[in-house]
C-alpha atoms as a PDB file:
ATOM      1  CA  MET A   1      -0.800 -37.387  48.248  1.00  0.00           C
ATOM      2  CA  GLU A   2      -2.420 -40.592  49.427  1.00  0.00           C
ATOM      3  CA  ALA A   3      -0.217 -43.361  50.831  1.00  0.00           C
ATOM      4  CA  TYR A   4      -0.999 -46.726  49.284  1.00  0.00           C
ATOM      5  CA  GLU A   5      -0.318 -49.905  51.259  1.00  0.00           C
ATOM      6  CA  THR A   6       0.128 -52.183  48.250  1.00  0.00           C
ATOM      7  CA  GLU A   7       1.241 -52.011  44.680  1.00  0.00           C
ATOM      8  CA  GLU A   8      -2.212 -53.122  43.566  1.00  0.00           C
ATOM      9  CA  GLN A   9      -3.779 -50.065  45.229  1.00  0.00           C
ATOM     10  CA  GLN A  10      -1.317 -47.826  43.368  1.00  0.00           C
ATOM     11  CA  VAL A  11      -2.160 -49.501  40.033  1.00  0.00           C
ATOM     12  CA  GLU A  12      -5.904 -49.146  40.788  1.00  0.00           C
ATOM     13  CA  ALA A  13      -5.453 -45.443  41.603  1.00  0.00           C
ATOM     14  CA  ILE A  14      -3.552 -44.843  38.371  1.00  0.00           C
ATOM     15  CA  LYS A  15      -6.244 -46.683  36.362  1.00  0.00           C
ATOM     16  CA  LYS A  16      -8.948 -44.651  38.051  1.00  0.00           C
ATOM     17  CA  TRP A  17      -7.093 -41.379  37.380  1.00  0.00           C
ATOM     18  CA  TRP A  18      -6.505 -42.323  33.730  1.00  0.00           C
ATOM     19  CA  LYS A  19     -10.149 -43.232  33.283  1.00  0.00           C
ATOM     20  CA  GLU A  20     -11.156 -39.813  34.610  1.00  0.00           C
ATOM     21  CA  ASN A  21      -8.512 -37.745  32.807  1.00  0.00           C
ATOM     22  CA  GLY A  22      -7.187 -39.826  29.869  1.00  0.00           C
ATOM     23  CA  LYS A  23      -9.613 -38.506  27.217  1.00  0.00           C
ATOM     24  CA  SER A  24      -8.785 -34.883  28.134  1.00  0.00           C
ATOM     25  CA  ILE A  25      -5.081 -35.523  27.884  1.00  0.00           C
ATOM     26  CA  ILE A  26      -5.355 -37.247  24.513  1.00  0.00           C
ATOM     27  CA  LEU A  27      -7.688 -34.535  23.181  1.00  0.00           C
ATOM     28  CA  GLY A  28      -5.303 -31.830  24.376  1.00  0.00           C
ATOM     29  CA  ALA A  29      -2.353 -33.559  22.721  1.00  0.00           C
ATOM     30  CA  VAL A  30      -4.263 -33.950  19.469  1.00  0.00           C
ATOM     31  CA  ILE A  31      -5.347 -30.289  19.455  1.00  0.00           C
ATOM     32  CA  GLY A  32      -1.840 -29.117  20.317  1.00  0.00           C
ATOM     33  CA  LEU A  33      -0.171 -31.202  17.612  1.00  0.00           C
ATOM     34  CA  GLY A  34      -2.892 -30.307  15.083  1.00  0.00           C
ATOM     35  CA  GLY A  35      -2.407 -26.634  15.825  1.00  0.00           C
ATOM     36  CA  LEU A  36       1.356 -26.892  15.516  1.00  0.00           C
ATOM     37  CA  PHE A  37       1.229 -28.723  12.161  1.00  0.00           C
ATOM     38  CA  GLY A  38      -1.594 -26.422  10.934  1.00  0.00           C
ATOM     39  CA  TRP A  39       0.454 -23.311  11.784  1.00  0.00           C
ATOM     40  CA  ARG A  40       3.489 -24.699   9.985  1.00  0.00           C
ATOM     41  CA  ALA A  41       1.369 -25.524   6.904  1.00  0.00           C
ATOM     42  CA  TYR A  42      -0.156 -22.035   7.002  1.00  0.00           C
ATOM     43  CA  GLN A  43       3.304 -20.379   7.185  1.00  0.00           C
ATOM     44  CA  ALA A  44       4.539 -22.508   4.275  1.00  0.00           C
ATOM     45  CA  ASN A  45       1.451 -21.539   2.231  1.00  0.00           C
ATOM     46  CA  VAL A  46       1.950 -17.812   2.977  1.00  0.00           C
ATOM     47  CA  LEU A  47       5.612 -18.031   1.993  1.00  0.00           C
ATOM     48  CA  SER A  48       4.730 -19.850  -1.203  1.00  0.00           C
ATOM     49  CA  SER A  49       2.094 -17.220  -2.075  1.00  0.00           C
ATOM     50  CA  GLN A  50       4.554 -14.381  -1.433  1.00  0.00           C
ATOM     51  CA  GLU A  51       7.168 -16.007  -3.632  1.00  0.00           C
ATOM     52  CA  ALA A  52       4.612 -16.528  -6.419  1.00  0.00           C
ATOM     53  CA  ALA A  53       3.488 -12.860  -6.166  1.00  0.00           C
ATOM     54  CA  SER A  54       7.104 -11.710  -6.259  1.00  0.00           C
ATOM     55  CA  ASP A  55       7.815 -13.809  -9.377  1.00  0.00           C
ATOM     56  CA  ALA A  56       4.668 -12.486 -11.055  1.00  0.00           C
ATOM     57  CA  TYR A  57       5.675  -8.921 -10.195  1.00  0.00           C
ATOM     58  CA  SER A  58       9.118  -9.441 -11.747  1.00  0.00           C
ATOM     59  CA  LYS A  59       7.460 -10.734 -14.897  1.00  0.00           C
ATOM     60  CA  ALA A  60       5.074  -7.715 -14.908  1.00  0.00           C
ATOM     61  CA  GLN A  61       8.073  -5.371 -14.729  1.00  0.00           C
ATOM     62  CA  GLU A  62       9.629  -7.116 -17.711  1.00  0.00           C
ATOM     63  CA  GLN A  63       6.306  -6.716 -19.596  1.00  0.00           C
ATOM     64  CA  LEU A  64       6.220  -3.047 -18.650  1.00  0.00           C
ATOM     65  CA  ILE A  65       9.750  -2.542 -20.055  1.00  0.00           C
ATOM     66  CA  ALA A  66       8.643  -4.362 -23.221  1.00  0.00           C
ATOM     67  CA  GLY A  67       5.670  -1.981 -23.497  1.00  0.00           C
ATOM     68  CA  ASP A  68       2.972  -4.600 -22.837  1.00  0.00           C
ATOM     69  CA  LEU A  69       0.794  -2.367 -20.673  1.00  0.00           C
ATOM     70  CA  ASP A  70      -2.259  -4.642 -20.994  1.00  0.00           C
ATOM     71  CA  ALA A  71      -0.334  -7.505 -19.365  1.00  0.00           C
ATOM     72  CA  VAL A  72       0.666  -5.227 -16.491  1.00  0.00           C
ATOM     73  CA  LYS A  73      -2.927  -4.113 -16.076  1.00  0.00           C
ATOM     74  CA  GLN A  74      -3.955  -7.771 -15.949  1.00  0.00           C
ATOM     75  CA  PHE A  75      -1.312  -8.409 -13.238  1.00  0.00           C
ATOM     76  CA  VAL A  76      -2.764  -5.541 -11.157  1.00  0.00           C
ATOM     77  CA  THR A  77      -6.259  -7.000 -11.511  1.00  0.00           C
ATOM     78  CA  GLU A  78      -5.237 -10.546 -10.679  1.00  0.00           C
ATOM     79  CA  ASN A  79      -3.116  -9.552  -7.655  1.00  0.00           C
ATOM     80  CA  SER A  80      -5.275  -6.699  -6.349  1.00  0.00           C
ATOM     81  CA  SER A  81      -4.866  -7.700  -2.681  1.00  0.00           C
ATOM     82  CA  SER A  82      -1.069  -7.533  -2.864  1.00  0.00           C
ATOM     83  CA  GLU A  83       1.146  -4.442  -2.415  1.00  0.00           C
ATOM     84  CA  TYR A  84       2.936  -5.649  -5.541  1.00  0.00           C
ATOM     85  CA  ALA A  85      -0.236  -4.692  -7.446  1.00  0.00           C
ATOM     86  CA  THR A  86      -0.104  -1.142  -6.112  1.00  0.00           C
ATOM     87  CA  LEU A  87       3.549  -0.804  -7.085  1.00  0.00           C
ATOM     88  CA  ALA A  88       2.796  -2.120 -10.562  1.00  0.00           C
ATOM     89  CA  ALA A  89      -0.177   0.258 -10.855  1.00  0.00           C
ATOM     90  CA  MET A  90       2.115   3.211  -9.991  1.00  0.00           C
ATOM     91  CA  GLN A  91       4.557   2.170 -12.697  1.00  0.00           C
ATOM     92  CA  LEU A  92       1.714   1.555 -15.127  1.00  0.00           C
ATOM     93  CA  ALA A  93       0.402   5.082 -14.477  1.00  0.00           C
ATOM     94  CA  LYS A  94       3.840   6.516 -15.166  1.00  0.00           C
ATOM     95  CA  ALA A  95       4.052   4.625 -18.485  1.00  0.00           C
ATOM     96  CA  GLN A  96       0.559   5.837 -19.392  1.00  0.00           C
ATOM     97  CA  VAL A  97       1.600   9.469 -18.742  1.00  0.00           C
ATOM     98  CA  GLU A  98       4.661   8.918 -20.925  1.00  0.00           C
ATOM     99  CA  ASN A  99       2.301   7.593 -23.645  1.00  0.00           C
ATOM    100  CA  ASP A 100       0.089  10.680 -23.189  1.00  0.00           C
ATOM    101  CA  ASN A 101      -2.814   8.535 -21.954  1.00  0.00           C
ATOM    102  CA  LEU A 102      -3.605  10.745 -18.980  1.00  0.00           C
ATOM    103  CA  SER A 103      -7.123   9.417 -18.338  1.00  0.00           C
ATOM    104  CA  ALA A 104      -5.808   5.885 -17.958  1.00  0.00           C
ATOM    105  CA  ALA A 105      -3.076   7.168 -15.600  1.00  0.00           C
ATOM    106  CA  VAL A 106      -5.743   8.848 -13.474  1.00  0.00           C
ATOM    107  CA  GLU A 107      -7.623   5.547 -13.268  1.00  0.00           C
ATOM    108  CA  GLN A 108      -4.491   3.691 -12.080  1.00  0.00           C
ATOM    109  CA  LEU A 109      -3.538   6.334  -9.526  1.00  0.00           C
ATOM    110  CA  LYS A 110      -7.064   6.391  -8.076  1.00  0.00           C
ATOM    111  CA  TRP A 111      -6.890   2.626  -7.791  1.00  0.00           C
ATOM    112  CA  VAL A 112      -3.613   2.898  -5.823  1.00  0.00           C
ATOM    113  CA  VAL A 113      -5.146   5.454  -3.478  1.00  0.00           C
ATOM    114  CA  ALA A 114      -8.192   3.235  -2.907  1.00  0.00           C
ATOM    115  CA  ASN A 115      -6.302  -0.080  -2.511  1.00  0.00           C
ATOM    116  CA  SER A 116      -2.867   0.587  -1.001  1.00  0.00           C
ATOM    117  CA  LYS A 117      -2.292  -0.116   2.691  1.00  0.00           C
ATOM    118  CA  ASP A 118       0.859   2.019   2.698  1.00  0.00           C
ATOM    119  CA  ASP A 119       0.224   5.652   3.682  1.00  0.00           C
ATOM    120  CA  ALA A 120       3.466   6.878   2.073  1.00  0.00           C
ATOM    121  CA  LEU A 121       2.506   5.232  -1.233  1.00  0.00           C
ATOM    122  CA  LYS A 122      -0.998   6.718  -1.022  1.00  0.00           C
ATOM    123  CA  ALA A 123       0.497  10.200  -0.505  1.00  0.00           C
ATOM    124  CA  LEU A 124       2.800   9.756  -3.529  1.00  0.00           C
ATOM    125  CA  ALA A 125      -0.137   8.508  -5.655  1.00  0.00           C
ATOM    126  CA  ASN A 126      -2.258  11.513  -4.615  1.00  0.00           C
ATOM    127  CA  VAL A 127       0.533  13.973  -5.501  1.00  0.00           C
ATOM    128  CA  ARG A 128       0.993  12.302  -8.893  1.00  0.00           C
ATOM    129  CA  LEU A 129      -2.770  12.196  -9.369  1.00  0.00           C
ATOM    130  CA  ALA A 130      -2.951  15.958  -8.702  1.00  0.00           C
ATOM    131  CA  ARG A 131      -0.233  16.604 -11.320  1.00  0.00           C
ATOM    132  CA  VAL A 132      -2.096  14.586 -13.958  1.00  0.00           C
ATOM    133  CA  GLU A 133      -5.398  16.243 -13.072  1.00  0.00           C
ATOM    134  CA  ILE A 134      -3.721  19.663 -13.449  1.00  0.00           C
ATOM    135  CA  ALA A 135      -2.485  18.590 -16.907  1.00  0.00           C
ATOM    136  CA  LEU A 136      -6.093  17.613 -17.734  1.00  0.00           C
ATOM    137  CA  GLU A 137      -7.286  20.966 -16.345  1.00  0.00           C
ATOM    138  CA  ASN A 138      -9.409  19.181 -13.735  1.00  0.00           C
ATOM    139  CA  PHE A 139      -8.439  21.654 -11.009  1.00  0.00           C
ATOM    140  CA  ASP A 140     -11.112  20.710  -8.472  1.00  0.00           C
ATOM    141  CA  ALA A 141     -10.071  17.041  -8.736  1.00  0.00           C
ATOM    142  CA  ALA A 142      -6.421  18.050  -8.323  1.00  0.00           C
ATOM    143  CA  GLU A 143      -7.233  20.056  -5.203  1.00  0.00           C
ATOM    144  CA  SER A 144      -9.200  17.136  -3.829  1.00  0.00           C
ATOM    145  CA  ALA A 145      -6.225  14.809  -4.319  1.00  0.00           C
ATOM    146  CA  LEU A 146      -3.916  17.319  -2.642  1.00  0.00           C
ATOM    147  CA  ALA A 147      -6.269  17.673   0.333  1.00  0.00           C
ATOM    148  CA  ALA A 148      -5.756  13.962   1.076  1.00  0.00           C
ATOM    149  CA  VAL A 149      -1.983  14.480   1.485  1.00  0.00           C
ATOM    150  CA  THR A 150      -1.464  15.552   5.115  1.00  0.00           C
ATOM    151  CA  ALA A 151       2.084  14.324   5.907  1.00  0.00           C
ATOM    152  CA  GLU A 152       4.461  17.157   6.842  1.00  0.00           C
ATOM    153  CA  SER A 153       7.111  15.813   4.442  1.00  0.00           C
ATOM    154  CA  TRP A 154       4.834  16.592   1.450  1.00  0.00           C
ATOM    155  CA  LYS A 155       3.964  20.136   2.553  1.00  0.00           C
ATOM    156  CA  ALA A 156       6.290  21.881   0.090  1.00  0.00           C
ATOM    157  CA  ASN A 157       5.147  19.779  -2.870  1.00  0.00           C
ATOM    158  CA  VAL A 158       1.463  20.237  -2.031  1.00  0.00           C
ATOM    159  CA  ALA A 159       1.826  23.993  -1.673  1.00  0.00           C
ATOM    160  CA  SER A 160       3.758  24.190  -4.956  1.00  0.00           C
ATOM    161  CA  LEU A 161       1.037  22.295  -6.791  1.00  0.00           C
ATOM    162  CA  ARG A 162      -1.620  24.532  -5.230  1.00  0.00           C
ATOM    163  CA  GLY A 163       0.345  27.428  -6.645  1.00  0.00           C
ATOM    164  CA  ASP A 164       0.349  25.806 -10.082  1.00  0.00           C
ATOM    165  CA  ILE A 165      -3.433  25.387  -9.895  1.00  0.00           C
ATOM    166  CA  ALA A 166      -3.888  29.033  -8.889  1.00  0.00           C
ATOM    167  CA  VAL A 167      -1.686  30.146 -11.845  1.00  0.00           C
ATOM    168  CA  GLN A 168      -3.812  28.052 -14.235  1.00  0.00           C
ATOM    169  CA  ARG A 169      -6.938  29.683 -12.842  1.00  0.00           C
ATOM    170  CA  GLY A 170      -5.399  33.132 -13.170  1.00  0.00           C
ATOM    171  CA  ASP A 171      -5.394  33.807  -9.420  1.00  0.00           C
ATOM    172  CA  HIS A 172      -1.874  35.206  -9.030  1.00  0.00           C
ATOM    173  CA  ASP A 173      -2.348  36.342  -5.423  1.00  0.00           C
ATOM    174  CA  ALA A 174      -3.260  32.819  -4.357  1.00  0.00           C
ATOM    175  CA  ALA A 175      -0.363  31.458  -6.447  1.00  0.00           C
ATOM    176  CA  ARG A 176       2.098  33.810  -4.743  1.00  0.00           C
ATOM    177  CA  ALA A 177       0.828  32.770  -1.317  1.00  0.00           C
ATOM    178  CA  ALA A 178       1.094  29.068  -2.187  1.00  0.00           C
ATOM    179  CA  TYR A 179       4.582  29.391  -3.647  1.00  0.00           C
ATOM    180  CA  THR A 180       5.721  31.395  -0.614  1.00  0.00           C
ATOM    181  CA  GLU A 181       4.345  28.612   1.622  1.00  0.00           C
ATOM    182  CA  ALA A 182       6.217  26.030  -0.504  1.00  0.00           C
ATOM    183  CA  LEU A 183       9.479  27.969  -0.157  1.00  0.00           C
ATOM    184  CA  ALA A 184       9.011  28.192   3.610  1.00  0.00           C
ATOM    185  CA  ALA A 185       8.542  24.416   3.776  1.00  0.00           C
ATOM    186  CA  GLY A 186      11.510  23.616   1.533  1.00  0.00           C
ATOM    187  CA  ASN A 187      13.843  25.808  -0.483  1.00  0.00           C
ATOM    188  CA  ASP A 188      13.224  24.691  -4.079  1.00  0.00           C
ATOM    189  CA  PRO A 189      14.847  26.788  -6.862  1.00  0.00           C
ATOM    190  CA  VAL A 190      12.065  25.867  -9.329  1.00  0.00           C
ATOM    191  CA  VAL A 191       9.449  27.209  -6.937  1.00  0.00           C
ATOM    192  CA  ARG A 192      11.598  30.349  -6.424  1.00  0.00           C
ATOM    193  CA  MET A 193      11.589  30.898 -10.239  1.00  0.00           C
ATOM    194  CA  LYS A 194       7.795  30.412 -10.358  1.00  0.00           C
ATOM    195  CA  LEU A 195       7.390  32.985  -7.619  1.00  0.00           C
ATOM    196  CA  ASP A 196       9.782  35.408  -9.351  1.00  0.00           C
ATOM    197  CA  ASP A 197       7.761  35.062 -12.549  1.00  0.00           C
ATOM    198  CA  LEU A 198       4.721  36.320 -10.611  1.00  0.00           C
ATOM    199  CA  ALA A 199       6.539  39.384  -9.277  1.00  0.00           C
ATOM    200  CA  GLN A 200       4.486  42.523  -9.584  1.00  0.00           C
END
């Protein structure tokens, strides 16, 4: 650090330093404060959006209970980027199955598979989709949905549904093999009864 002989020399050095660096310091402070306030505004906006989506989802559930399926479908369309929409679509598909509108349920379940970011929810949607496709006798589509379910926790369910498809197709050997695989993955008494029904 330089030694200054007089106070005037110190003042001149400070003025010179400020002239060289003052704009950078002010610009840095402005950017820093702008970033801080911008981040806080962004967080507040995200929180507000999440609260609005949650409120809309609650309203959609009330509409579902009331039987207003069109309103729930509109909620799914308007909130398609939210996981609330995928949950609502799953519930809408269930209601459509209960109303024996299987084609509409297939449409909703396919939408969940295509739009959900949650792998567990996608697996559940694919299993349900396979069940509905079996009911519609679209066995190739059902097998395609089951092929997308790879998690170990679903192994027993997938094998059981493959057995159901094989029974529908009249392939009892394949059904026995699938049910045996399902029992090995998880001891389900319903699957045991299905296998016993196929006993030779």
